[in-house]
């Protein structure tokens, strides 16, 4: 076999790898800074639609105005599910437990549960 005279390819040095990663990171940072206003504005709009939908107002930006202004329905659906779960866990479940606790205490004292809930 004849030697073609070309040396085998050398792997990139650690300096080349580091510079490549830094250049890519710099491009990413500049891209994020360029698009940051559009991203945060769109996210706010979607979260407001999700909050209103989870509150039972429907998929609206302002309750009573039927205008479609979201650009990402899948993300909106996920946010609505998350907001509904958080609402249940934070507001509904503790109030339900508090009510049953009052009922339990009322039963122990022999007071009708309706009177215990009314008086607190």
PDB file of N, CA and C in Angstrom:
ATOM      1  N   UNK A   1       0.825  -1.175   0.000  1.00  0.00           N
ATOM      2  CA  UNK A   1       0.000   0.000   0.000  1.00  0.00           C
ATOM      3  C   UNK A   1       0.866   1.232   0.000  1.00  0.00           C
ATOM      4  N   UNK A   2       0.399   2.187  -0.726  1.00  0.00           N
ATOM      5  CA  UNK A   2       1.128   3.446  -0.760  1.00  0.00           C
ATOM      6  C   UNK A   2       0.559   4.388   0.276  1.00  0.00           C
ATOM      7  N   UNK A   3       1.418   5.160   0.846  1.00  0.00           N
ATOM      8  CA  UNK A   3       0.997   6.202   1.780  1.00  0.00           C
ATOM      9  C   UNK A   3       0.605   7.422   0.966  1.00  0.00           C
ATOM     10  N   UNK A   4      -0.578   7.935   1.169  1.00  0.00           N
ATOM     11  CA  UNK A   4      -1.058   9.063   0.374  1.00  0.00           C
ATOM     12  C   UNK A   4      -0.376  10.370   0.772  1.00  0.00           C
ATOM     13  N   UNK A   5       0.323  10.380   1.853  1.00  0.00           N
ATOM     14  CA  UNK A   5       1.048  11.567   2.255  1.00  0.00           C
ATOM     15  C   UNK A   5       0.251  12.492   3.161  1.00  0.00           C
ATOM     16  N   UNK A   6      -1.012  12.208   3.373  1.00  0.00           N
ATOM     17  CA  UNK A   6      -1.787  13.076   4.261  1.00  0.00           C
ATOM     18  C   UNK A   6      -1.773  12.487   5.666  1.00  0.00           C
ATOM     19  N   UNK A   7      -1.643  13.382   6.602  1.00  0.00           N
ATOM     20  CA  UNK A   7      -1.608  12.960   8.005  1.00  0.00           C
ATOM     21  C   UNK A   7      -3.040  12.653   8.454  1.00  0.00           C
ATOM     22  N   UNK A   8      -3.179  11.742   9.406  1.00  0.00           N
ATOM     23  CA  UNK A   8      -4.527  11.460   9.916  1.00  0.00           C
ATOM     24  C   UNK A   8      -5.115  12.708  10.581  1.00  0.00           C
ATOM     25  N   UNK A   9      -6.422  12.817  10.535  1.00  0.00           N
ATOM     26  CA  UNK A   9      -7.099  13.980  11.115  1.00  0.00           C
ATOM     27  C   UNK A   9      -6.887  14.001  12.622  1.00  0.00           C
ATOM     28  N   UNK A  10      -6.532  15.164  13.117  1.00  0.00           N
ATOM     29  CA  UNK A  10      -6.312  15.338  14.545  1.00  0.00           C
ATOM     30  C   UNK A  10      -7.627  15.764  15.209  1.00  0.00           C
ATOM     31  N   UNK A  11      -7.897  15.258  16.397  1.00  0.00           N
ATOM     32  CA  UNK A  11      -9.094  15.720  17.104  1.00  0.00           C
ATOM     33  C   UNK A  11      -8.894  17.185  17.507  1.00  0.00           C
ATOM     34  N   UNK A  12      -9.974  17.931  17.620  1.00  0.00           N
ATOM     35  CA  UNK A  12      -9.832  19.332  17.991  1.00  0.00           C
ATOM     36  C   UNK A  12      -9.230  19.455  19.389  1.00  0.00           C
ATOM     37  N   UNK A  13      -8.444  20.495  19.547  1.00  0.00           N
ATOM     38  CA  UNK A  13      -7.821  20.702  20.853  1.00  0.00           C
ATOM     39  C   UNK A  13      -8.861  21.239  21.832  1.00  0.00           C
ATOM     40  N   UNK A  14      -8.508  21.208  23.102  1.00  0.00           N
ATOM     41  CA  UNK A  14      -9.439  21.695  24.114  1.00  0.00           C
ATOM     42  C   UNK A  14      -9.673  23.194  23.949  1.00  0.00           C
ATOM     43  N   UNK A  15      -8.691  23.926  23.458  1.00  0.00           N
ATOM     44  CA  UNK A  15      -8.862  25.359  23.224  1.00  0.00           C
ATOM     45  C   UNK A  15      -9.879  25.591  22.105  1.00  0.00           C
ATOM     46  N   UNK A  16      -9.801  24.823  21.047  1.00  0.00           N
ATOM     47  CA  UNK A  16     -10.766  24.951  19.956  1.00  0.00           C
ATOM     48  C   UNK A  16     -12.178  24.612  20.425  1.00  0.00           C
ATOM     49  N   UNK A  17     -12.294  23.574  21.202  1.00  0.00           N
ATOM     50  CA  UNK A  17     -13.598  23.170  21.726  1.00  0.00           C
ATOM     51  C   UNK A  17     -14.165  24.253  22.625  1.00  0.00           C
ATOM     52  N   UNK A  18     -13.325  24.796  23.502  1.00  0.00           N
ATOM     53  CA  UNK A  18     -13.773  25.850  24.418  1.00  0.00           C
ATOM     54  C   UNK A  18     -14.220  27.081  23.649  1.00  0.00           C
ATOM     55  N   UNK A  19     -13.450  27.492  22.647  1.00  0.00           N
ATOM     56  CA  UNK A  19     -13.822  28.665  21.855  1.00  0.00           C
ATOM     57  C   UNK A  19     -15.112  28.434  21.079  1.00  0.00           C
ATOM     58  N   UNK A  20     -15.299  27.243  20.566  1.00  0.00           N
ATOM     59  CA  UNK A  20     -16.529  26.930  19.843  1.00  0.00           C
ATOM     60  C   UNK A  20     -17.735  27.003  20.771  1.00  0.00           C
ATOM     61  N   UNK A  21     -17.603  26.431  21.951  1.00  0.00           N
ATOM     62  CA  UNK A  21     -18.705  26.457  22.919  1.00  0.00           C
ATOM     63  C   UNK A  21     -19.000  27.885  23.344  1.00  0.00           C
ATOM     64  N   UNK A  22     -17.968  28.689  23.590  1.00  0.00           N
ATOM     65  CA  UNK A  22     -18.177  30.077  23.986  1.00  0.00           C
ATOM     66  C   UNK A  22     -18.846  30.887  22.873  1.00  0.00           C
ATOM     67  N   UNK A  23     -18.447  30.657  21.629  1.00  0.00           N
ATOM     68  CA  UNK A  23     -19.077  31.357  20.505  1.00  0.00           C
ATOM     69  C   UNK A  23     -20.554  30.976  20.381  1.00  0.00           C
ATOM     70  N   UNK A  24     -20.847  29.703  20.517  1.00  0.00           N
ATOM     71  CA  UNK A  24     -22.246  29.269  20.455  1.00  0.00           C
ATOM     72  C   UNK A  24     -23.058  29.842  21.609  1.00  0.00           C
ATOM     73  N   UNK A  25     -22.478  29.887  22.784  1.00  0.00           N
ATOM     74  CA  UNK A  25     -23.151  30.461  23.941  1.00  0.00           C
ATOM     75  C   UNK A  25     -23.406  31.949  23.732  1.00  0.00           C
ATOM     76  N   UNK A  26     -22.441  32.653  23.161  1.00  0.00           N
ATOM     77  CA  UNK A  26     -22.594  34.076  22.887  1.00  0.00           C
ATOM     78  C   UNK A  26     -23.715  34.313  21.871  1.00  0.00           C
ATOM     79  N   UNK A  27     -23.779  33.496  20.834  1.00  0.00           N
ATOM     80  CA  UNK A  27     -24.852  33.613  19.845  1.00  0.00           C
ATOM     81  C   UNK A  27     -26.201  33.359  20.512  1.00  0.00           C
ATOM     82  N   UNK A  28     -26.272  32.360  21.390  1.00  0.00           N
ATOM     83  CA  UNK A  28     -27.511  32.051  22.092  1.00  0.00           C
ATOM     84  C   UNK A  28     -27.946  33.217  22.979  1.00  0.00           C
ATOM     85  N   UNK A  29     -27.007  33.806  23.709  1.00  0.00           N
ATOM     86  CA  UNK A  29     -27.335  34.930  24.596  1.00  0.00           C
ATOM     87  C   UNK A  29     -27.858  36.115  23.780  1.00  0.00           C
ATOM     88  N   UNK A  30     -27.193  36.447  22.680  1.00  0.00           N
ATOM     89  CA  UNK A  30     -27.657  37.557  21.857  1.00  0.00           C
ATOM     90  C   UNK A  30     -29.033  37.271  21.252  1.00  0.00           C
ATOM     91  N   UNK A  31     -29.288  36.035  20.860  1.00  0.00           N
ATOM     92  CA  UNK A  31     -30.602  35.676  20.323  1.00  0.00           C
ATOM     93  C   UNK A  31     -31.678  35.824  21.397  1.00  0.00           C
ATOM     94  N   UNK A  32     -31.361  35.404  22.613  1.00  0.00           N
ATOM     95  CA  UNK A  32     -32.322  35.546  23.717  1.00  0.00           C
ATOM     96  C   UNK A  32     -32.602  37.012  24.010  1.00  0.00           C
ATOM     97  N   UNK A  33     -31.559  37.828  24.025  1.00  0.00           N
ATOM     98  CA  UNK A  33     -31.745  39.253  24.291  1.00  0.00           C
ATOM     99  C   UNK A  33     -32.555  39.916  23.179  1.00  0.00           C
ATOM    100  N   UNK A  34     -32.370  39.483  21.956  1.00  0.00           N
ATOM    101  CA  UNK A  34     -33.096  40.055  20.834  1.00  0.00           C
ATOM    102  C   UNK A  34     -34.584  39.718  20.900  1.00  0.00           C
ATOM    103  N   UNK A  35     -34.922  38.497  21.320  1.00  0.00           N
ATOM    104  CA  UNK A  35     -36.307  38.046  21.318  1.00  0.00           C
ATOM    105  C   UNK A  35     -36.969  38.101  22.692  1.00  0.00           C
ATOM    106  N   UNK A  36     -36.332  38.665  23.696  1.00  0.00           N
ATOM    107  CA  UNK A  36     -36.862  38.605  25.062  1.00  0.00           C
ATOM    108  C   UNK A  36     -38.209  39.321  25.195  1.00  0.00           C
ATOM    109  N   UNK A  37     -38.410  40.445  24.537  1.00  0.00           N
ATOM    110  CA  UNK A  37     -39.677  41.163  24.669  1.00  0.00           C
ATOM    111  C   UNK A  37     -40.841  40.365  24.090  1.00  0.00           C
ATOM    112  N   UNK A  38     -40.653  39.786  22.930  1.00  0.00           N
ATOM    113  CA  UNK A  38     -41.721  39.012  22.304  1.00  0.00           C
ATOM    114  C   UNK A  38     -42.045  37.770  23.118  1.00  0.00           C
ATOM    115  N   UNK A  39     -41.038  37.145  23.670  1.00  0.00           N
ATOM    116  CA  UNK A  39     -41.259  35.921  24.434  1.00  0.00           C
ATOM    117  C   UNK A  39     -42.027  36.211  25.720  1.00  0.00           C
ATOM    118  N   UNK A  40     -41.616  37.210  26.469  1.00  0.00           N
ATOM    119  CA  UNK A  40     -42.275  37.478  27.744  1.00  0.00           C
ATOM    120  C   UNK A  40     -43.691  37.995  27.527  1.00  0.00           C
ATOM    121  N   UNK A  41     -43.907  38.784  26.473  1.00  0.00           N
ATOM    122  CA  UNK A  41     -45.236  39.297  26.187  1.00  0.00           C
ATOM    123  C   UNK A  41     -46.180  38.156  25.813  1.00  0.00           C
ATOM    124  N   UNK A  42     -45.738  37.253  24.974  1.00  0.00           N
ATOM    125  CA  UNK A  42     -46.560  36.128  24.562  1.00  0.00           C
ATOM    126  C   UNK A  42     -46.848  35.207  25.744  1.00  0.00           C
ATOM    127  N   UNK A  43     -45.866  35.008  26.594  1.00  0.00           N
ATOM    128  CA  UNK A  43     -46.072  34.156  27.769  1.00  0.00           C
ATOM    129  C   UNK A  43     -47.107  34.776  28.709  1.00  0.00           C
ATOM    130  N   UNK A  44     -47.031  36.089  28.908  1.00  0.00           N
ATOM    131  CA  UNK A  44     -48.006  36.765  29.776  1.00  0.00           C
ATOM    132  C   UNK A  44     -49.426  36.609  29.222  1.00  0.00           C
ATOM    133  N   UNK A  45     -49.566  36.801  27.917  1.00  0.00           N
ATOM    134  CA  UNK A  45     -50.889  36.678  27.291  1.00  0.00           C
ATOM    135  C   UNK A  45     -51.442  35.270  27.494  1.00  0.00           C
ATOM    136  N   UNK A  46     -50.614  34.263  27.268  1.00  0.00           N
ATOM    137  CA  UNK A  46     -51.059  32.879  27.417  1.00  0.00           C
ATOM    138  C   UNK A  46     -51.432  32.584  28.865  1.00  0.00           C
ATOM    139  N   UNK A  47     -50.636  33.082  29.812  1.00  0.00           N
ATOM    140  CA  UNK A  47     -50.941  32.827  31.228  1.00  0.00           C
ATOM    141  C   UNK A  47     -52.231  33.511  31.654  1.00  0.00           C
ATOM    142  N   UNK A  48     -52.511  34.672  31.084  1.00  0.00           N
ATOM    143  CA  UNK A  48     -53.767  35.341  31.426  1.00  0.00           C
ATOM    144  C   UNK A  48     -54.966  34.574  30.876  1.00  0.00           C
ATOM    145  N   UNK A  49     -54.855  34.070  29.654  1.00  0.00           N
ATOM    146  CA  UNK A  49     -55.910  33.218  29.105  1.00  0.00           C
ATOM    147  C   UNK A  49     -56.111  31.984  29.988  1.00  0.00           C
ATOM    148  N   UNK A  50     -55.013  31.371  30.416  1.00  0.00           N
ATOM    149  CA  UNK A  50     -55.100  30.163  31.251  1.00  0.00           C
ATOM    150  C   UNK A  50     -55.742  30.476  32.600  1.00  0.00           C
ATOM    151  N   UNK A  51     -55.375  31.604  33.192  1.00  0.00           N
ATOM    152  CA  UNK A  51     -55.951  31.968  34.489  1.00  0.00           C
ATOM    153  C   UNK A  51     -57.457  32.168  34.371  1.00  0.00           C
ATOM    154  N   UNK A  52     -57.889  32.865  33.331  1.00  0.00           N
ATOM    155  CA  UNK A  52     -59.328  33.086  33.151  1.00  0.00           C
ATOM    156  C   UNK A  52     -60.064  31.781  32.857  1.00  0.00           C
ATOM    157  N   UNK A  53     -59.438  30.899  32.086  1.00  0.00           N
ATOM    158  CA  UNK A  53     -60.077  29.611  31.797  1.00  0.00           C
ATOM    159  C   UNK A  53     -60.189  28.770  33.063  1.00  0.00           C
ATOM    160  N   UNK A  54     -59.147  28.767  33.886  1.00  0.00           N
ATOM    161  CA  UNK A  54     -59.188  27.991  35.135  1.00  0.00           C
ATOM    162  C   UNK A  54     -60.199  28.568  36.115  1.00  0.00           C
ATOM    163  N   UNK A  55     -60.454  29.873  36.023  1.00  0.00           N
ATOM    164  CA  UNK A  55     -61.427  30.512  36.913  1.00  0.00           C
ATOM    165  C   UNK A  55     -62.858  30.324  36.430  1.00  0.00           C
ATOM    166  N   UNK A  56     -63.029  29.673  35.268  1.00  0.00           N
ATOM    167  CA  UNK A  56     -64.366  29.407  34.770  1.00  0.00           C
ATOM    168  C   UNK A  56     -64.917  30.479  33.845  1.00  0.00           C
ATOM    169  N   UNK A  57     -64.094  31.442  33.452  1.00  0.00           N
ATOM    170  CA  UNK A  57     -64.536  32.520  32.565  1.00  0.00           C
ATOM    171  C   UNK A  57     -64.480  32.113  31.102  1.00  0.00           C
ATOM    172  N   UNK A  58     -63.835  31.011  30.795  1.00  0.00           N
ATOM    173  CA  UNK A  58     -63.633  30.593  29.412  1.00  0.00           C
ATOM    174  C   UNK A  58     -62.264  31.037  28.932  1.00  0.00           C
ATOM    175  N   UNK A  59     -61.927  30.660  27.711  1.00  0.00           N
ATOM    176  CA  UNK A  59     -60.614  31.021  27.171  1.00  0.00           C
ATOM    177  C   UNK A  59     -60.717  32.434  26.602  1.00  0.00           C
ATOM    178  N   UNK A  60     -60.618  33.415  27.484  1.00  0.00           N
ATOM    179  CA  UNK A  60     -60.719  34.829  27.114  1.00  0.00           C
ATOM    180  C   UNK A  60     -59.600  35.599  27.794  1.00  0.00           C
ATOM    181  N   UNK A  61     -59.188  36.704  27.163  1.00  0.00           N
ATOM    182  CA  UNK A  61     -58.182  37.576  27.773  1.00  0.00           C
ATOM    183  C   UNK A  61     -58.827  38.429  28.858  1.00  0.00           C
ATOM    184  N   UNK A  62     -59.952  39.041  28.522  1.00  0.00           N
ATOM    185  CA  UNK A  62     -60.763  39.783  29.484  1.00  0.00           C
ATOM    186  C   UNK A  62     -62.126  39.125  29.543  1.00  0.00           C
ATOM    187  N   UNK A  63     -62.641  38.838  30.736  1.00  0.00           N
ATOM    188  CA  UNK A  63     -63.965  38.227  30.830  1.00  0.00           C
ATOM    189  C   UNK A  63     -65.017  39.091  30.127  1.00  0.00           C
ATOM    190  N   UNK A  64     -65.833  38.444  29.309  1.00  0.00           N
ATOM    191  CA  UNK A  64     -66.871  39.145  28.568  1.00  0.00           C
ATOM    192  C   UNK A  64     -66.487  39.483  27.147  1.00  0.00           C
ATOM    193  N   UNK A  65     -65.201  39.425  26.816  1.00  0.00           N
ATOM    194  CA  UNK A  65     -64.737  39.708  25.459  1.00  0.00           C
ATOM    195  C   UNK A  65     -64.279  38.407  24.822  1.00  0.00           C
ATOM    196  N   UNK A  66     -64.926  37.993  23.772  1.00  0.00           N
ATOM    197  CA  UNK A  66     -64.604  36.732  23.104  1.00  0.00           C
ATOM    198  C   UNK A  66     -63.664  36.990  21.940  1.00  0.00           C
ATOM    199  N   UNK A  67     -62.369  37.067  22.238  1.00  0.00           N
ATOM    200  CA  UNK A  67     -61.359  37.308  21.209  1.00  0.00           C
ATOM    201  C   UNK A  67     -60.259  36.269  21.387  1.00  0.00           C
ATOM    202  N   UNK A  68     -59.883  35.604  20.296  1.00  0.00           N
ATOM    203  CA  UNK A  68     -58.792  34.636  20.372  1.00  0.00           C
ATOM    204  C   UNK A  68     -57.480  35.366  20.123  1.00  0.00           C
ATOM    205  N   UNK A  69     -56.603  35.369  21.112  1.00  0.00           N
ATOM    206  CA  UNK A  69     -55.349  36.085  20.978  1.00  0.00           C
ATOM    207  C   UNK A  69     -54.143  35.273  21.399  1.00  0.00           C
ATOM    208  N   UNK A  70     -54.304  34.006  21.628  1.00  0.00           N
ATOM    209  CA  UNK A  70     -53.175  33.167  22.018  1.00  0.00           C
ATOM    210  C   UNK A  70     -52.616  32.486  20.781  1.00  0.00           C
ATOM    211  N   UNK A  71     -51.332  32.201  20.811  1.00  0.00           N
ATOM    212  CA  UNK A  71     -50.691  31.624  19.626  1.00  0.00           C
ATOM    213  C   UNK A  71     -50.184  30.203  19.860  1.00  0.00           C
ATOM    214  N   UNK A  72     -50.451  29.650  21.031  1.00  0.00           N
ATOM    215  CA  UNK A  72     -49.923  28.326  21.356  1.00  0.00           C
ATOM    216  C   UNK A  72     -50.964  27.531  22.144  1.00  0.00           C
ATOM    217  N   UNK A  73     -51.926  26.900  21.457  1.00  0.00           N
ATOM    218  CA  UNK A  73     -53.012  26.226  22.146  1.00  0.00           C
ATOM    219  C   UNK A  73     -52.579  25.043  23.010  1.00  0.00           C
ATOM    220  N   UNK A  74     -51.542  24.322  22.618  1.00  0.00           N
ATOM    221  CA  UNK A  74     -51.107  23.190  23.439  1.00  0.00           C
ATOM    222  C   UNK A  74     -50.557  23.680  24.782  1.00  0.00           C
ATOM    223  N   UNK A  75     -49.720  24.705  24.749  1.00  0.00           N
ATOM    224  CA  UNK A  75     -49.171  25.272  25.987  1.00  0.00           C
ATOM    225  C   UNK A  75     -50.291  25.864  26.832  1.00  0.00           C
ATOM    226  N   UNK A  76     -51.266  26.502  26.191  1.00  0.00           N
ATOM    227  CA  UNK A  76     -52.408  27.047  26.909  1.00  0.00           C
ATOM    228  C   UNK A  76     -53.171  25.933  27.617  1.00  0.00           C
ATOM    229  N   UNK A  77     -53.389  24.818  26.932  1.00  0.00           N
ATOM    230  CA  UNK A  77     -54.087  23.694  27.560  1.00  0.00           C
ATOM    231  C   UNK A  77     -53.345  23.146  28.764  1.00  0.00           C
ATOM    232  N   UNK A  78     -52.026  23.032  28.644  1.00  0.00           N
ATOM    233  CA  UNK A  78     -51.235  22.558  29.781  1.00  0.00           C
ATOM    234  C   UNK A  78     -51.301  23.529  30.949  1.00  0.00           C
ATOM    235  N   UNK A  79     -51.261  24.832  30.662  1.00  0.00           N
ATOM    236  CA  UNK A  79     -51.349  25.826  31.730  1.00  0.00           C
ATOM    237  C   UNK A  79     -52.721  25.822  32.388  1.00  0.00           C
ATOM    238  N   UNK A  80     -53.769  25.607  31.610  1.00  0.00           N
ATOM    239  CA  UNK A  80     -55.115  25.544  32.187  1.00  0.00           C
ATOM    240  C   UNK A  80     -55.218  24.361  33.141  1.00  0.00           C
ATOM    241  N   UNK A  81     -54.696  23.211  32.735  1.00  0.00           N
ATOM    242  CA  UNK A  81     -54.715  22.033  33.610  1.00  0.00           C
ATOM    243  C   UNK A  81     -53.907  22.309  34.882  1.00  0.00           C
ATOM    244  N   UNK A  82     -52.722  22.885  34.729  1.00  0.00           N
ATOM    245  CA  UNK A  82     -51.890  23.193  35.903  1.00  0.00           C
ATOM    246  C   UNK A  82     -52.570  24.200  36.816  1.00  0.00           C
ATOM    247  N   UNK A  83     -53.164  25.249  36.243  1.00  0.00           N
ATOM    248  CA  UNK A  83     -53.838  26.264  37.062  1.00  0.00           C
ATOM    249  C   UNK A  83     -55.040  25.674  37.785  1.00  0.00           C
ATOM    250  N   UNK A  84     -55.744  24.775  37.142  1.00  0.00           N
ATOM    251  CA  UNK A  84     -56.892  24.136  37.780  1.00  0.00           C
ATOM    252  C   UNK A  84     -56.443  23.258  38.948  1.00  0.00           C
ATOM    253  N   UNK A  85     -55.381  22.510  38.747  1.00  0.00           N
ATOM    254  CA  UNK A  85     -54.864  21.660  39.821  1.00  0.00           C
ATOM    255  C   UNK A  85     -54.379  22.515  40.994  1.00  0.00           C
ATOM    256  N   UNK A  86     -53.658  23.580  40.708  1.00  0.00           N
ATOM    257  CA  UNK A  86     -53.169  24.458  41.777  1.00  0.00           C
ATOM    258  C   UNK A  86     -54.339  25.095  42.513  1.00  0.00           C
ATOM    259  N   UNK A  87     -55.357  25.530  41.778  1.00  0.00           N
ATOM    260  CA  UNK A  87     -56.534  26.113  42.421  1.00  0.00           C
ATOM    261  C   UNK A  87     -57.204  25.103  43.346  1.00  0.00           C
ATOM    262  N   UNK A  88     -57.318  23.877  42.894  1.00  0.00           N
ATOM    263  CA  UNK A  88     -57.930  22.853  43.743  1.00  0.00           C
ATOM    264  C   UNK A  88     -57.100  22.592  44.989  1.00  0.00           C
ATOM    265  N   UNK A  89     -55.792  22.470  44.820  1.00  0.00           N
ATOM    266  CA  UNK A  89     -54.928  22.131  45.948  1.00  0.00           C
ATOM    267  C   UNK A  89     -54.820  23.290  46.936  1.00  0.00           C
ATOM    268  N   UNK A  90     -54.737  24.502  46.438  1.00  0.00           N
ATOM    269  CA  UNK A  90     -54.497  25.642  47.317  1.00  0.00           C
ATOM    270  C   UNK A  90     -55.778  26.157  47.951  1.00  0.00           C
ATOM    271  N   UNK A  91     -56.879  26.171  47.199  1.00  0.00           N
ATOM    272  CA  UNK A  91     -58.097  26.790  47.713  1.00  0.00           C
ATOM    273  C   UNK A  91     -59.194  25.816  48.101  1.00  0.00           C
ATOM    274  N   UNK A  92     -59.508  24.878  47.252  1.00  0.00           N
ATOM    275  CA  UNK A  92     -60.678  24.038  47.482  1.00  0.00           C
ATOM    276  C   UNK A  92     -60.424  23.000  48.563  1.00  0.00           C
ATOM    277  N   UNK A  93     -59.319  22.271  48.474  1.00  0.00           N
ATOM    278  CA  UNK A  93     -59.053  21.193  49.434  1.00  0.00           C
ATOM    279  C   UNK A  93     -58.922  21.715  50.867  1.00  0.00           C
ATOM    280  N   UNK A  94     -58.138  22.778  51.134  1.00  0.00           N
ATOM    281  CA  UNK A  94     -58.057  23.256  52.523  1.00  0.00           C
ATOM    282  C   UNK A  94     -59.403  23.716  53.067  1.00  0.00           C
ATOM    283  N   UNK A  95     -60.222  24.384  52.246  1.00  0.00           N
ATOM    284  CA  UNK A  95     -61.529  24.809  52.726  1.00  0.00           C
ATOM    285  C   UNK A  95     -62.441  23.618  52.965  1.00  0.00           C
ATOM    286  N   UNK A  96     -62.318  22.595  52.146  1.00  0.00           N
ATOM    287  CA  UNK A  96     -63.117  21.388  52.365  1.00  0.00           C
ATOM    288  C   UNK A  96     -62.704  20.702  53.660  1.00  0.00           C
ATOM    289  N   UNK A  97     -61.396  20.627  53.884  1.00  0.00           N
ATOM    290  CA  UNK A  97     -60.919  20.007  55.122  1.00  0.00           C
ATOM    291  C   UNK A  97     -61.323  20.820  56.339  1.00  0.00           C
ATOM    292  N   UNK A  98     -61.282  22.116  56.232  1.00  0.00           N
ATOM    293  CA  UNK A  98     -61.683  22.977  57.348  1.00  0.00           C
ATOM    294  C   UNK A  98     -63.154  22.755  57.657  1.00  0.00           C
ATOM    295  N   UNK A  99     -63.964  22.632  56.629  1.00  0.00           N
ATOM    296  CA  UNK A  99     -65.388  22.390  56.851  1.00  0.00           C
ATOM    297  C   UNK A  99     -65.638  21.059  57.534  1.00  0.00           C
ATOM    298  N   UNK A 100     -64.935  20.017  57.125  1.00  0.00           N
ATOM    299  CA  UNK A 100     -65.137  18.716  57.752  1.00  0.00           C
ATOM    300  C   UNK A 100     -64.603  18.719  59.175  1.00  0.00           C
ATOM    301  N   UNK A 101     -63.549  19.508  59.419  1.00  0.00           N
ATOM    302  CA  UNK A 101     -63.027  19.615  60.786  1.00  0.00           C
ATOM    303  C   UNK A 101     -64.052  20.282  61.696  1.00  0.00           C
ATOM    304  N   UNK A 102     -64.707  21.321  61.176  1.00  0.00           N
ATOM    305  CA  UNK A 102     -65.757  21.979  61.963  1.00  0.00           C
ATOM    306  C   UNK A 102     -66.911  21.031  62.210  1.00  0.00           C
ATOM    307  N   UNK A 103     -67.281  20.255  61.188  1.00  0.00           N
ATOM    308  CA  UNK A 103     -68.360  19.293  61.357  1.00  0.00           C
ATOM    309  C   UNK A 103     -68.003  18.254  62.409  1.00  0.00           C
ATOM    310  N   UNK A 104     -66.763  17.768  62.386  1.00  0.00           N
ATOM    311  CA  UNK A 104     -66.320  16.766  63.343  1.00  0.00           C
ATOM    312  C   UNK A 104     -66.368  17.316  64.766  1.00  0.00           C
ATOM    313  N   UNK A 105     -65.866  18.540  64.935  1.00  0.00           N
ATOM    314  CA  UNK A 105     -65.899  19.150  66.275  1.00  0.00           C
ATOM    315  C   UNK A 105     -67.335  19.374  66.744  1.00  0.00           C
ATOM    316  N   UNK A 106     -68.200  19.769  65.817  1.00  0.00           N
ATOM    317  CA  UNK A 106     -69.596  20.003  66.189  1.00  0.00           C
ATOM    318  C   UNK A 106     -70.262  18.708  66.623  1.00  0.00           C
ATOM    319  N   UNK A 107     -69.964  17.623  65.918  1.00  0.00           N
ATOM    320  CA  UNK A 107     -70.552  16.336  66.282  1.00  0.00           C
ATOM    321  C   UNK A 107     -70.064  15.906  67.659  1.00  0.00           C
ATOM    322  N   UNK A 108     -68.781  16.162  67.959  1.00  0.00           N
ATOM    323  CA  UNK A 108     -68.255  15.804  69.278  1.00  0.00           C
ATOM    324  C   UNK A 108     -68.971  16.571  70.390  1.00  0.00           C
ATOM    325  N   UNK A 109     -69.277  17.840  70.135  1.00  0.00           N
ATOM    326  CA  UNK A 109     -69.930  18.670  71.158  1.00  0.00           C
ATOM    327  C   UNK A 109     -71.440  18.518  71.166  1.00  0.00           C
ATOM    328  N   UNK A 110     -71.973  17.830  70.153  1.00  0.00           N
ATOM    329  CA  UNK A 110     -73.418  17.667  70.092  1.00  0.00           C
ATOM    330  C   UNK A 110     -74.117  18.849  69.449  1.00  0.00           C
ATOM    331  N   UNK A 111     -73.366  19.704  68.757  1.00  0.00           N
ATOM    332  CA  UNK A 111     -73.962  20.871  68.078  1.00  0.00           C
ATOM    333  C   UNK A 111     -74.243  20.474  66.630  1.00  0.00           C
ATOM    334  N   UNK A 112     -75.370  20.906  66.075  1.00  0.00           N
ATOM    335  CA  UNK A 112     -75.630  20.611  64.658  1.00  0.00           C
ATOM    336  C   UNK A 112     -74.543  21.233  63.778  1.00  0.00           C
ATOM    337  N   UNK A 113     -74.059  20.515  62.755  1.00  0.00           N
ATOM    338  CA  UNK A 113     -72.981  21.029  61.907  1.00  0.00           C
ATOM    339  C   UNK A 113     -73.299  22.359  61.250  1.00  0.00           C
ATOM    340  N   UNK A 114     -74.578  22.597  60.893  1.00  0.00           N
ATOM    341  CA  UNK A 114     -74.952  23.854  60.260  1.00  0.00           C
ATOM    342  C   UNK A 114     -74.688  25.030  61.187  1.00  0.00           C
ATOM    343  N   UNK A 115     -74.964  24.853  62.468  1.00  0.00           N
ATOM    344  CA  UNK A 115     -74.743  25.932  63.438  1.00  0.00           C
ATOM    345  C   UNK A 115     -73.252  26.164  63.630  1.00  0.00           C
ATOM    346  N   UNK A 116     -72.447  25.090  63.607  1.00  0.00           N
ATOM    347  CA  UNK A 116     -71.010  25.244  63.804  1.00  0.00           C
ATOM    348  C   UNK A 116     -70.382  25.982  62.626  1.00  0.00           C
ATOM    349  N   UNK A 117     -70.823  25.685  61.412  1.00  0.00           N
ATOM    350  CA  UNK A 117     -70.267  26.348  60.236  1.00  0.00           C
ATOM    351  C   UNK A 117     -70.716  27.808  60.210  1.00  0.00           C
ATOM    352  N   UNK A 118     -71.944  28.069  60.613  1.00  0.00           N
ATOM    353  CA  UNK A 118     -72.440  29.435  60.587  1.00  0.00           C
ATOM    354  C   UNK A 118     -71.715  30.316  61.601  1.00  0.00           C
ATOM    355  N   UNK A 119     -71.371  29.765  62.743  1.00  0.00           N
ATOM    356  CA  UNK A 119     -70.694  30.561  63.775  1.00  0.00           C
ATOM    357  C   UNK A 119     -69.192  30.547  63.624  1.00  0.00           C
ATOM    358  N   UNK A 120     -68.646  29.603  62.860  1.00  0.00           N
ATOM    359  CA  UNK A 120     -67.203  29.547  62.645  1.00  0.00           C
ATOM    360  C   UNK A 120     -66.602  28.719  63.703  1.00  0.00           C
TER     361      UNK A 120
END
